[in-house]
């Protein structure tokens, strides 16, 4: 009986997204995940994740992404939780 050899190759891909903005931002501690992250605006979140602003607002409403609300009422998104959510 002839033996057959099989080789399995596994490929892992890692993606890093860098968001650059003319607006100076400080890295702050996300209150929910304790990650030091530069929270991003909805517009920046749309660009980095590729999902619509409406879908991001729905994720915020459902509590599926971390966010902070500014004194002016703007919503800032934690990019770490958004990117994990949008990749699944």
PDB file of N, CA and C in Angstrom:
ATOM      1  N   UNK A   1       0.836  -1.170   0.000  1.00  0.00           N
ATOM      2  CA  UNK A   1       0.000   0.000   0.000  1.00  0.00           C
ATOM      3  C   UNK A   1       0.887   1.242   0.000  1.00  0.00           C
ATOM      4  N   UNK A   2       0.560   2.148  -0.871  1.00  0.00           N
ATOM      5  CA  UNK A   2       1.358   3.345  -1.047  1.00  0.00           C
ATOM      6  C   UNK A   2       0.932   4.418  -0.051  1.00  0.00           C
ATOM      7  N   UNK A   3       1.901   5.056   0.627  1.00  0.00           N
ATOM      8  CA  UNK A   3       1.595   6.128   1.575  1.00  0.00           C
ATOM      9  C   UNK A   3       1.507   7.451   0.834  1.00  0.00           C
ATOM     10  N   UNK A   4       0.520   8.246   1.220  1.00  0.00           N
ATOM     11  CA  UNK A   4       0.341   9.554   0.612  1.00  0.00           C
ATOM     12  C   UNK A   4       0.639  10.626   1.654  1.00  0.00           C
ATOM     13  N   UNK A   5       1.429  11.588   1.254  1.00  0.00           N
ATOM     14  CA  UNK A   5       1.724  12.703   2.159  1.00  0.00           C
ATOM     15  C   UNK A   5       0.848  13.882   1.790  1.00  0.00           C
ATOM     16  N   UNK A   6       0.330  14.512   2.808  1.00  0.00           N
ATOM     17  CA  UNK A   6      -0.477  15.710   2.590  1.00  0.00           C
ATOM     18  C   UNK A   6       0.140  16.846   3.394  1.00  0.00           C
ATOM     19  N   UNK A   7       0.157  17.988   2.779  1.00  0.00           N
ATOM     20  CA  UNK A   7       0.676  19.175   3.433  1.00  0.00           C
ATOM     21  C   UNK A   7      -0.448  20.195   3.525  1.00  0.00           C
ATOM     22  N   UNK A   8      -0.633  20.751   4.709  1.00  0.00           N
ATOM     23  CA  UNK A   8      -1.658  21.776   4.901  1.00  0.00           C
ATOM     24  C   UNK A   8      -0.949  23.102   5.180  1.00  0.00           C
ATOM     25  N   UNK A   9      -1.325  24.097   4.417  1.00  0.00           N
ATOM     26  CA  UNK A   9      -0.749  25.425   4.584  1.00  0.00           C
ATOM     27  C   UNK A   9      -1.832  26.354   5.117  1.00  0.00           C
ATOM     28  N   UNK A  10      -1.517  27.039   6.196  1.00  0.00           N
ATOM     29  CA  UNK A  10      -2.451  27.989   6.791  1.00  0.00           C
ATOM     30  C   UNK A  10      -1.879  29.386   6.637  1.00  0.00           C
ATOM     31  N   UNK A  11      -2.709  30.289   6.171  1.00  0.00           N
ATOM     32  CA  UNK A  11      -2.272  31.667   5.964  1.00  0.00           C
ATOM     33  C   UNK A  11      -3.063  32.568   6.907  1.00  0.00           C
ATOM     34  N   UNK A  12      -2.350  33.388   7.660  1.00  0.00           N
ATOM     35  CA  UNK A  12      -2.988  34.374   8.525  1.00  0.00           C
ATOM     36  C   UNK A  12      -2.741  35.744   7.960  1.00  0.00           C
ATOM     37  N   UNK A  13      -3.790  36.552   7.957  1.00  0.00           N
ATOM     38  CA  UNK A  13      -3.644  37.918   7.489  1.00  0.00           C
ATOM     39  C   UNK A  13      -3.937  38.864   8.637  1.00  0.00           C
ATOM     40  N   UNK A  14      -3.134  39.879   8.753  1.00  0.00           N
ATOM     41  CA  UNK A  14      -3.339  40.906   9.756  1.00  0.00           C
ATOM     42  C   UNK A  14      -3.463  42.236   9.026  1.00  0.00           C
ATOM     43  N   UNK A  15      -4.387  43.035   9.483  1.00  0.00           N
ATOM     44  CA  UNK A  15      -4.604  44.316   8.842  1.00  0.00           C
ATOM     45  C   UNK A  15      -4.483  45.413   9.890  1.00  0.00           C
ATOM     46  N   UNK A  16      -3.794  46.449   9.534  1.00  0.00           N
ATOM     47  CA  UNK A  16      -3.653  47.594  10.418  1.00  0.00           C
ATOM     48  C   UNK A  16      -4.184  48.813   9.691  1.00  0.00           C
ATOM     49  N   UNK A  17      -5.073  49.521  10.345  1.00  0.00           N
ATOM     50  CA  UNK A  17      -5.640  50.723   9.767  1.00  0.00           C
ATOM     51  C   UNK A  17      -5.120  51.911  10.552  1.00  0.00           C
ATOM     52  N   UNK A  18      -4.560  52.858   9.839  1.00  0.00           N
ATOM     53  CA  UNK A  18      -4.035  54.065  10.460  1.00  0.00           C
ATOM     54  C   UNK A  18      -4.930  55.218  10.047  1.00  0.00           C
ATOM     55  N   UNK A  19      -5.449  55.915  11.041  1.00  0.00           N
ATOM     56  CA  UNK A  19      -6.309  57.057  10.775  1.00  0.00           C
ATOM     57  C   UNK A  19      -5.511  58.309  11.084  1.00  0.00           C
ATOM     58  N   UNK A  20      -5.396  59.160  10.090  1.00  0.00           N
ATOM     59  CA  UNK A  20      -4.690  60.424  10.271  1.00  0.00           C
ATOM     60  C   UNK A  20      -5.680  61.549  10.068  1.00  0.00           C
ATOM     61  N   UNK A  21      -5.541  62.537  10.882  1.00  0.00           N
ATOM     62  CA  UNK A  21      -6.455  63.656  10.805  1.00  0.00           C
ATOM     63  C   UNK A  21      -5.691  64.932  11.101  1.00  0.00           C
ATOM     64  N   UNK A  22      -6.166  66.030  10.524  1.00  0.00           N
ATOM     65  CA  UNK A  22      -5.531  67.311  10.803  1.00  0.00           C
ATOM     66  C   UNK A  22      -5.890  67.785  12.202  1.00  0.00           C
ATOM     67  N   UNK A  23      -6.961  67.240  12.740  1.00  0.00           N
ATOM     68  CA  UNK A  23      -7.385  67.607  14.085  1.00  0.00           C
ATOM     69  C   UNK A  23      -6.486  66.903  15.096  1.00  0.00           C
ATOM     70  N   UNK A  24      -5.964  67.669  16.054  1.00  0.00           N
ATOM     71  CA  UNK A  24      -5.103  67.084  17.077  1.00  0.00           C
ATOM     72  C   UNK A  24      -5.979  66.346  18.076  1.00  0.00           C
ATOM     73  N   UNK A  25      -5.637  65.121  18.341  1.00  0.00           N
ATOM     74  CA  UNK A  25      -6.424  64.358  19.303  1.00  0.00           C
ATOM     75  C   UNK A  25      -5.496  63.671  20.287  1.00  0.00           C
ATOM     76  N   UNK A  26      -5.958  63.577  21.468  1.00  0.00           N
ATOM     77  CA  UNK A  26      -5.204  62.896  22.514  1.00  0.00           C
ATOM     78  C   UNK A  26      -5.741  61.492  22.666  1.00  0.00           C
ATOM     79  N   UNK A  27      -4.861  60.595  23.010  1.00  0.00           N
ATOM     80  CA  UNK A  27      -5.305  59.243  23.294  1.00  0.00           C
ATOM     81  C   UNK A  27      -5.924  59.262  24.682  1.00  0.00           C
ATOM     82  N   UNK A  28      -7.124  58.764  24.757  1.00  0.00           N
ATOM     83  CA  UNK A  28      -7.836  58.725  26.027  1.00  0.00           C
ATOM     84  C   UNK A  28      -8.192  57.284  26.351  1.00  0.00           C
ATOM     85  N   UNK A  29      -8.506  57.033  27.575  1.00  0.00           N
ATOM     86  CA  UNK A  29      -8.860  55.696  28.006  1.00  0.00           C
ATOM     87  C   UNK A  29     -10.333  55.447  27.705  1.00  0.00           C
ATOM     88  N   UNK A  30     -10.612  54.439  26.896  1.00  0.00           N
ATOM     89  CA  UNK A  30     -12.003  54.076  26.633  1.00  0.00           C
ATOM     90  C   UNK A  30     -12.578  53.571  27.959  1.00  0.00           C
ATOM     91  N   UNK A  31     -13.645  54.194  28.400  1.00  0.00           N
ATOM     92  CA  UNK A  31     -14.223  53.860  29.702  1.00  0.00           C
ATOM     93  C   UNK A  31     -14.743  52.425  29.766  1.00  0.00           C
ATOM     94  N   UNK A  32     -15.072  51.841  28.637  1.00  0.00           N
ATOM     95  CA  UNK A  32     -15.653  50.500  28.629  1.00  0.00           C
ATOM     96  C   UNK A  32     -14.637  49.375  28.491  1.00  0.00           C
ATOM     97  N   UNK A  33     -13.652  49.543  27.617  1.00  0.00           N
ATOM     98  CA  UNK A  33     -12.708  48.445  27.379  1.00  0.00           C
ATOM     99  C   UNK A  33     -11.328  48.708  27.977  1.00  0.00           C
ATOM    100  N   UNK A  34     -11.133  49.852  28.588  1.00  0.00           N
ATOM    101  CA  UNK A  34      -9.864  50.223  29.230  1.00  0.00           C
ATOM    102  C   UNK A  34      -8.690  50.227  28.254  1.00  0.00           C
ATOM    103  N   UNK A  35      -8.971  50.488  26.990  1.00  0.00           N
ATOM    104  CA  UNK A  35      -7.933  50.609  25.972  1.00  0.00           C
ATOM    105  C   UNK A  35      -7.606  52.081  25.771  1.00  0.00           C
ATOM    106  N   UNK A  36      -6.336  52.400  25.637  1.00  0.00           N
ATOM    107  CA  UNK A  36      -5.956  53.768  25.300  1.00  0.00           C
ATOM    108  C   UNK A  36      -6.157  53.933  23.803  1.00  0.00           C
ATOM    109  N   UNK A  37      -7.122  54.737  23.418  1.00  0.00           N
ATOM    110  CA  UNK A  37      -7.448  54.869  22.002  1.00  0.00           C
ATOM    111  C   UNK A  37      -7.831  56.301  21.696  1.00  0.00           C
ATOM    112  N   UNK A  38      -7.574  56.701  20.470  1.00  0.00           N
ATOM    113  CA  UNK A  38      -8.030  58.008  20.003  1.00  0.00           C
ATOM    114  C   UNK A  38      -9.438  57.809  19.473  1.00  0.00           C
ATOM    115  N   UNK A  39     -10.414  58.258  20.216  1.00  0.00           N
ATOM    116  CA  UNK A  39     -11.802  58.108  19.788  1.00  0.00           C
ATOM    117  C   UNK A  39     -12.012  58.887  18.500  1.00  0.00           C
ATOM    118  N   UNK A  40     -12.842  58.352  17.605  1.00  0.00           N
ATOM    119  CA  UNK A  40     -13.020  58.949  16.283  1.00  0.00           C
ATOM    120  C   UNK A  40     -14.462  59.407  16.101  1.00  0.00           C
ATOM    121  N   UNK A  41     -14.637  60.360  15.190  1.00  0.00           N
ATOM    122  CA  UNK A  41     -15.972  60.850  14.874  1.00  0.00           C
ATOM    123  C   UNK A  41     -16.702  59.811  14.016  1.00  0.00           C
ATOM    124  N   UNK A  42     -17.988  60.017  13.835  1.00  0.00           N
ATOM    125  CA  UNK A  42     -18.778  59.112  13.004  1.00  0.00           C
ATOM    126  C   UNK A  42     -18.230  59.078  11.580  1.00  0.00           C
ATOM    127  N   UNK A  43     -17.878  60.241  11.034  1.00  0.00           N
ATOM    128  CA  UNK A  43     -17.358  60.308   9.658  1.00  0.00           C
ATOM    129  C   UNK A  43     -16.063  59.503   9.526  1.00  0.00           C
ATOM    130  N   UNK A  44     -15.184  59.633  10.503  1.00  0.00           N
ATOM    131  CA  UNK A  44     -13.928  58.872  10.470  1.00  0.00           C
ATOM    132  C   UNK A  44     -14.200  57.383  10.650  1.00  0.00           C
ATOM    133  N   UNK A  45     -15.178  57.044  11.476  1.00  0.00           N
ATOM    134  CA  UNK A  45     -15.540  55.642  11.693  1.00  0.00           C
ATOM    135  C   UNK A  45     -16.075  55.013  10.415  1.00  0.00           C
ATOM    136  N   UNK A  46     -16.846  55.785   9.636  1.00  0.00           N
ATOM    137  CA  UNK A  46     -17.366  55.292   8.354  1.00  0.00           C
ATOM    138  C   UNK A  46     -16.210  54.993   7.412  1.00  0.00           C
ATOM    139  N   UNK A  47     -15.241  55.904   7.337  1.00  0.00           N
ATOM    140  CA  UNK A  47     -14.093  55.715   6.435  1.00  0.00           C
ATOM    141  C   UNK A  47     -13.266  54.503   6.828  1.00  0.00           C
ATOM    142  N   UNK A  48     -13.037  54.314   8.123  1.00  0.00           N
ATOM    143  CA  UNK A  48     -12.155  53.217   8.544  1.00  0.00           C
ATOM    144  C   UNK A  48     -12.832  51.856   8.516  1.00  0.00           C
ATOM    145  N   UNK A  49     -14.148  51.806   8.723  1.00  0.00           N
ATOM    146  CA  UNK A  49     -14.821  50.511   8.804  1.00  0.00           C
ATOM    147  C   UNK A  49     -15.514  50.105   7.514  1.00  0.00           C
ATOM    148  N   UNK A  50     -15.886  51.107   6.694  1.00  0.00           N
ATOM    149  CA  UNK A  50     -16.580  50.789   5.461  1.00  0.00           C
ATOM    150  C   UNK A  50     -18.064  50.521   5.649  1.00  0.00           C
ATOM    151  N   UNK A  51     -18.588  50.767   6.843  1.00  0.00           N
ATOM    152  CA  UNK A  51     -20.027  50.606   7.036  1.00  0.00           C
ATOM    153  C   UNK A  51     -20.666  51.986   7.159  1.00  0.00           C
ATOM    154  N   UNK A  52     -21.950  52.060   6.944  1.00  0.00           N
ATOM    155  CA  UNK A  52     -22.632  53.356   6.878  1.00  0.00           C
ATOM    156  C   UNK A  52     -22.757  54.006   8.258  1.00  0.00           C
ATOM    157  N   UNK A  53     -22.982  55.306   8.250  1.00  0.00           N
ATOM    158  CA  UNK A  53     -23.176  56.046   9.497  1.00  0.00           C
ATOM    159  C   UNK A  53     -24.409  55.529  10.225  1.00  0.00           C
ATOM    160  N   UNK A  54     -25.459  55.222   9.481  1.00  0.00           N
ATOM    161  CA  UNK A  54     -26.683  54.702  10.086  1.00  0.00           C
ATOM    162  C   UNK A  54     -26.412  53.375  10.793  1.00  0.00           C
ATOM    163  N   UNK A  55     -25.633  52.505  10.165  1.00  0.00           N
ATOM    164  CA  UNK A  55     -25.292  51.223  10.780  1.00  0.00           C
ATOM    165  C   UNK A  55     -24.460  51.427  12.045  1.00  0.00           C
ATOM    166  N   UNK A  56     -23.569  52.421  12.030  1.00  0.00           N
ATOM    167  CA  UNK A  56     -22.760  52.705  13.216  1.00  0.00           C
ATOM    168  C   UNK A  56     -23.649  53.214  14.344  1.00  0.00           C
ATOM    169  N   UNK A  57     -24.589  54.109  14.022  1.00  0.00           N
ATOM    170  CA  UNK A  57     -25.525  54.583  15.044  1.00  0.00           C
ATOM    171  C   UNK A  57     -26.352  53.432  15.614  1.00  0.00           C
ATOM    172  N   UNK A  58     -26.719  52.485  14.764  1.00  0.00           N
ATOM    173  CA  UNK A  58     -27.468  51.313  15.253  1.00  0.00           C
ATOM    174  C   UNK A  58     -26.614  50.479  16.203  1.00  0.00           C
ATOM    175  N   UNK A  59     -25.317  50.317  15.883  1.00  0.00           N
ATOM    176  CA  UNK A  59     -24.416  49.588  16.774  1.00  0.00           C
ATOM    177  C   UNK A  59     -24.270  50.306  18.115  1.00  0.00           C
ATOM    178  N   UNK A  60     -24.216  51.641  18.069  1.00  0.00           N
ATOM    179  CA  UNK A  60     -24.135  52.431  19.305  1.00  0.00           C
ATOM    180  C   UNK A  60     -25.400  52.216  20.128  1.00  0.00           C
ATOM    181  N   UNK A  61     -26.565  52.320  19.479  1.00  0.00           N
ATOM    182  CA  UNK A  61     -27.844  52.136  20.180  1.00  0.00           C
ATOM    183  C   UNK A  61     -27.957  50.746  20.804  1.00  0.00           C
ATOM    184  N   UNK A  62     -27.429  49.742  20.108  1.00  0.00           N
ATOM    185  CA  UNK A  62     -27.495  48.365  20.605  1.00  0.00           C
ATOM    186  C   UNK A  62     -26.428  48.074  21.654  1.00  0.00           C
ATOM    187  N   UNK A  63     -25.504  49.018  21.849  1.00  0.00           N
ATOM    188  CA  UNK A  63     -24.437  48.812  22.830  1.00  0.00           C
ATOM    189  C   UNK A  63     -23.346  47.872  22.349  1.00  0.00           C
ATOM    190  N   UNK A  64     -23.234  47.698  21.036  1.00  0.00           N
ATOM    191  CA  UNK A  64     -22.260  46.764  20.486  1.00  0.00           C
ATOM    192  C   UNK A  64     -20.893  47.392  20.231  1.00  0.00           C
ATOM    193  N   UNK A  65     -20.808  48.707  20.232  1.00  0.00           N
ATOM    194  CA  UNK A  65     -19.521  49.405  20.139  1.00  0.00           C
ATOM    195  C   UNK A  65     -19.442  50.412  21.279  1.00  0.00           C
ATOM    196  N   UNK A  66     -18.244  50.664  21.712  1.00  0.00           N
ATOM    197  CA  UNK A  66     -18.041  51.635  22.782  1.00  0.00           C
ATOM    198  C   UNK A  66     -18.036  53.038  22.206  1.00  0.00           C
ATOM    199  N   UNK A  67     -18.550  53.979  22.960  1.00  0.00           N
ATOM    200  CA  UNK A  67     -18.624  55.355  22.487  1.00  0.00           C
ATOM    201  C   UNK A  67     -18.588  56.304  23.670  1.00  0.00           C
ATOM    202  N   UNK A  68     -18.361  57.560  23.366  1.00  0.00           N
ATOM    203  CA  UNK A  68     -18.424  58.628  24.357  1.00  0.00           C
ATOM    204  C   UNK A  68     -19.180  59.775  23.721  1.00  0.00           C
ATOM    205  N   UNK A  69     -19.891  60.507  24.528  1.00  0.00           N
ATOM    206  CA  UNK A  69     -20.633  61.664  24.025  1.00  0.00           C
ATOM    207  C   UNK A  69     -19.959  62.920  24.563  1.00  0.00           C
ATOM    208  N   UNK A  70     -19.707  63.872  23.673  1.00  0.00           N
ATOM    209  CA  UNK A  70     -19.059  65.116  24.076  1.00  0.00           C
ATOM    210  C   UNK A  70     -20.087  66.052  24.707  1.00  0.00           C
ATOM    211  N   UNK A  71     -19.596  67.115  25.300  1.00  0.00           N
ATOM    212  CA  UNK A  71     -20.483  68.105  25.914  1.00  0.00           C
ATOM    213  C   UNK A  71     -21.399  68.746  24.873  1.00  0.00           C
ATOM    214  N   UNK A  72     -20.921  68.822  23.625  1.00  0.00           N
ATOM    215  CA  UNK A  72     -21.723  69.403  22.546  1.00  0.00           C
ATOM    216  C   UNK A  72     -22.758  68.423  21.990  1.00  0.00           C
ATOM    217  N   UNK A  73     -22.701  67.169  22.413  1.00  0.00           N
ATOM    218  CA  UNK A  73     -23.654  66.171  21.932  1.00  0.00           C
ATOM    219  C   UNK A  73     -23.149  65.306  20.801  1.00  0.00           C
ATOM    220  N   UNK A  74     -21.900  65.491  20.389  1.00  0.00           N
ATOM    221  CA  UNK A  74     -21.316  64.656  19.335  1.00  0.00           C
ATOM    222  C   UNK A  74     -20.970  63.280  19.899  1.00  0.00           C
ATOM    223  N   UNK A  75     -21.004  62.288  19.042  1.00  0.00           N
ATOM    224  CA  UNK A  75     -20.666  60.929  19.447  1.00  0.00           C
ATOM    225  C   UNK A  75     -19.265  60.607  18.937  1.00  0.00           C
ATOM    226  N   UNK A  76     -18.425  60.081  19.814  1.00  0.00           N
ATOM    227  CA  UNK A  76     -17.090  59.622  19.447  1.00  0.00           C
ATOM    228  C   UNK A  76     -17.044  58.115  19.666  1.00  0.00           C
ATOM    229  N   UNK A  77     -16.502  57.401  18.704  1.00  0.00           N
ATOM    230  CA  UNK A  77     -16.506  55.947  18.688  1.00  0.00           C
ATOM    231  C   UNK A  77     -15.132  55.398  19.061  1.00  0.00           C
ATOM    232  N   UNK A  78     -15.114  54.311  19.824  1.00  0.00           N
ATOM    233  CA  UNK A  78     -13.869  53.590  20.127  1.00  0.00           C
ATOM    234  C   UNK A  78     -13.541  52.731  18.907  1.00  0.00           C
ATOM    235  N   UNK A  79     -12.459  53.033  18.194  1.00  0.00           N
ATOM    236  CA  UNK A  79     -12.180  52.311  16.954  1.00  0.00           C
ATOM    237  C   UNK A  79     -11.878  50.825  17.164  1.00  0.00           C
ATOM    238  N   UNK A  80     -11.321  50.462  18.311  1.00  0.00           N
ATOM    239  CA  UNK A  80     -10.994  49.057  18.556  1.00  0.00           C
ATOM    240  C   UNK A  80     -12.260  48.195  18.509  1.00  0.00           C
ATOM    241  N   UNK A  81     -13.315  48.619  19.185  1.00  0.00           N
ATOM    242  CA  UNK A  81     -14.539  47.816  19.190  1.00  0.00           C
ATOM    243  C   UNK A  81     -15.270  47.891  17.859  1.00  0.00           C
ATOM    244  N   UNK A  82     -15.173  49.010  17.173  1.00  0.00           N
ATOM    245  CA  UNK A  82     -15.825  49.142  15.867  1.00  0.00           C
ATOM    246  C   UNK A  82     -15.192  48.209  14.857  1.00  0.00           C
ATOM    247  N   UNK A  83     -13.865  48.169  14.819  1.00  0.00           N
ATOM    248  CA  UNK A  83     -13.178  47.345  13.824  1.00  0.00           C
ATOM    249  C   UNK A  83     -13.368  45.858  14.113  1.00  0.00           C
ATOM    250  N   UNK A  84     -13.418  45.481  15.377  1.00  0.00           N
ATOM    251  CA  UNK A  84     -13.687  44.077  15.715  1.00  0.00           C
ATOM    252  C   UNK A  84     -15.089  43.704  15.260  1.00  0.00           C
ATOM    253  N   UNK A  85     -16.032  44.606  15.478  1.00  0.00           N
ATOM    254  CA  UNK A  85     -17.421  44.370  15.105  1.00  0.00           C
ATOM    255  C   UNK A  85     -17.617  44.334  13.594  1.00  0.00           C
ATOM    256  N   UNK A  86     -16.959  45.241  12.868  1.00  0.00           N
ATOM    257  CA  UNK A  86     -17.169  45.317  11.424  1.00  0.00           C
ATOM    258  C   UNK A  86     -16.460  44.197  10.672  1.00  0.00           C
ATOM    259  N   UNK A  87     -15.451  43.573  11.290  1.00  0.00           N
ATOM    260  CA  UNK A  87     -14.746  42.489  10.608  1.00  0.00           C
ATOM    261  C   UNK A  87     -15.426  41.144  10.785  1.00  0.00           C
ATOM    262  N   UNK A  88     -16.373  41.051  11.721  1.00  0.00           N
ATOM    263  CA  UNK A  88     -17.039  39.773  11.950  1.00  0.00           C
ATOM    264  C   UNK A  88     -18.280  39.608  11.127  1.00  0.00           C
TER     265      UNK A  88
END
